[in-house]
Amino acid sequence: QVQLVESGGGLVQAGGSLRLSCAASGSISSINGMGWYRQAPGKQRELVASTTSGGNTYYVDSVKGRFTISRDNAKNTVYLQMNSLKPEDTAVYYCNAFRRSVNYWGQGTQVTVSS
């Protein structure tokens, strides 16, 4: 089992920045990838950014150039630095870890961007 605890959400004005953190614990060996998803009201959950154990990264087009995902292996933590936030970034953000064909999820953290 992998436990994921997120922090760092909140309310910010458009153009502002937030950094989300996700600390992993438990059976963290052999985690293949970690990432951040988000779900806005009435919308499907979407992958925002991800990083693999080999260091490859992915970003959805809408956040390219604004968000950066990073991983601190010593702290078993993944971060999502979000800059130039827009109202359309408002959503619940979920941390995800993929290990041995199983997806693990954090509890979610609310990000609200006011215009």
Protein backbone atom coordinates (compact mmCIF):
# COMPACT_ATOMS: atom_id res chain seq x y z
CA GLN A 1 0.00 0.00 0.00
CA VAL A 2 1.03 3.57 -0.71
CA GLN A 3 -0.29 6.50 1.27
CA LEU A 4 -0.29 9.96 -0.27
CA VAL A 5 -0.81 13.18 1.67
CA GLU A 6 -1.25 16.42 -0.22
CA SER A 7 -0.84 19.97 0.97
CA GLY A 8 -0.52 23.46 -0.43
CA GLY A 9 -3.91 24.22 -1.94
CA GLY A 10 -5.80 27.41 -1.26
CA LEU A 11 -7.30 30.57 -2.66
CA VAL A 12 -5.24 32.79 -4.91
CA GLN A 13 -5.91 35.63 -7.33
CA ALA A 14 -5.45 35.18 -11.04
CA GLY A 15 -1.80 35.54 -11.96
CA GLY A 16 -0.66 34.23 -8.60
CA SER A 17 1.24 31.10 -7.67
CA LEU A 18 0.81 28.05 -5.48
CA ARG A 19 2.93 25.02 -4.79
CA LEU A 20 1.33 21.67 -4.09
CA SER A 21 3.20 18.95 -2.23
CA CYS A 22 2.50 15.24 -2.05
CA ALA A 23 4.32 13.09 0.46
CA ALA A 24 4.35 9.35 -0.18
CA SER A 25 4.75 6.70 2.49
CA GLY A 26 4.28 2.97 2.85
CA SER A 27 5.41 0.65 0.09
CA ILE A 28 7.09 3.34 -1.96
CA SER A 29 9.66 1.17 -3.64
CA SER A 30 8.95 0.41 -7.27
CA ILE A 31 6.69 3.43 -7.74
CA ASN A 32 6.83 3.86 -11.50
CA GLY A 33 5.35 7.29 -11.77
CA MET A 34 3.72 10.07 -9.84
CA GLY A 35 1.50 12.81 -11.02
CA TRP A 36 -1.18 15.35 -10.39
CA TYR A 37 -4.75 15.17 -11.61
CA ARG A 38 -7.50 17.71 -11.18
CA GLN A 39 -11.26 17.66 -11.26
CA ALA A 40 -13.42 20.72 -11.65
CA PRO A 41 -17.16 20.67 -10.82
CA GLY A 42 -19.10 18.89 -13.54
CA LYS A 43 -15.97 17.81 -15.37
CA GLN A 44 -13.98 14.61 -15.65
CA ARG A 45 -10.76 14.16 -13.76
CA GLU A 46 -7.82 15.03 -16.00
CA LEU A 47 -4.11 14.42 -15.82
CA VAL A 48 -2.30 17.71 -15.33
CA ALA A 49 1.33 16.64 -15.01
CA SER A 50 3.31 13.50 -14.32
CA THR A 51 6.84 12.32 -13.83
CA THR A 52 8.33 8.86 -14.17
CA SER A 53 11.04 7.20 -12.13
CA GLY A 54 13.33 7.84 -15.10
CA GLY A 55 12.70 11.56 -14.97
CA ASN A 56 10.40 11.94 -17.96
CA THR A 57 7.66 14.51 -17.55
CA TYR A 58 4.30 15.17 -19.13
CA TYR A 59 2.08 18.25 -19.05
CA VAL A 60 -1.38 18.80 -20.41
CA ASP A 61 -1.32 21.54 -23.02
CA SER A 62 -3.31 23.99 -20.92
CA VAL A 63 -0.59 24.20 -18.24
CA LYS A 64 2.58 24.01 -20.32
CA GLY A 65 4.89 26.86 -19.50
CA ARG A 66 3.03 27.64 -16.27
CA PHE A 67 3.24 24.49 -14.13
CA THR A 68 6.32 22.49 -13.18
CA ILE A 69 6.34 19.04 -11.63
CA SER A 70 9.34 17.93 -9.63
CA ARG A 71 10.24 15.02 -7.42
CA ASP A 72 12.46 14.82 -4.35
CA ASN A 73 13.31 11.14 -4.01
CA ALA A 74 15.07 11.66 -0.68
CA LYS A 75 11.86 13.04 0.79
CA ASN A 76 9.54 10.78 -1.22
CA THR A 77 7.69 13.91 -2.23
CA VAL A 78 6.42 15.26 -5.52
CA TYR A 79 5.67 18.92 -6.07
CA LEU A 80 3.58 20.90 -8.50
CA GLN A 81 4.64 24.51 -8.85
CA MET A 82 1.79 26.46 -10.39
CA ASN A 83 2.47 29.94 -11.73
CA SER A 84 0.34 32.42 -13.67
CA LEU A 85 -2.78 30.76 -12.34
CA LYS A 86 -6.05 31.28 -14.16
CA PRO A 87 -9.65 30.93 -12.96
CA GLU A 88 -9.98 27.85 -15.16
CA ASP A 89 -7.31 26.14 -13.03
CA THR A 90 -9.83 26.03 -10.18
CA ALA A 91 -10.35 22.39 -9.20
CA VAL A 92 -9.61 19.75 -6.64
CA TYR A 93 -6.09 18.52 -7.27
CA TYR A 94 -5.25 14.89 -6.56
CA CYS A 95 -1.85 13.31 -6.19
CA ASN A 96 -1.42 9.96 -7.91
CA ALA A 97 1.18 7.22 -7.66
CA PHE A 98 1.36 4.26 -10.00
CA ARG A 99 2.99 1.14 -8.60
CA ARG A 100 2.85 -2.42 -9.88
CA SER A 101 -0.25 -1.78 -11.98
CA VAL A 102 -2.12 -0.12 -9.12
CA ASN A 103 -3.11 3.51 -8.90
CA TYR A 104 -3.01 5.20 -5.51
CA TRP A 105 -4.68 8.52 -4.74
CA GLY A 106 -4.39 11.27 -2.21
CA GLN A 107 -7.41 12.85 -0.58
CA GLY A 108 -7.33 15.92 -2.81
CA THR A 109 -6.61 19.57 -2.15
CA GLN A 110 -8.77 22.47 -3.32
CA VAL A 111 -7.25 25.14 -5.54
CA THR A 112 -9.42 28.19 -6.18
CA VAL A 113 -8.31 30.99 -8.47
CA SER A 114 -10.33 34.18 -8.32
CA SER A 115 -10.58 36.58 -11.24
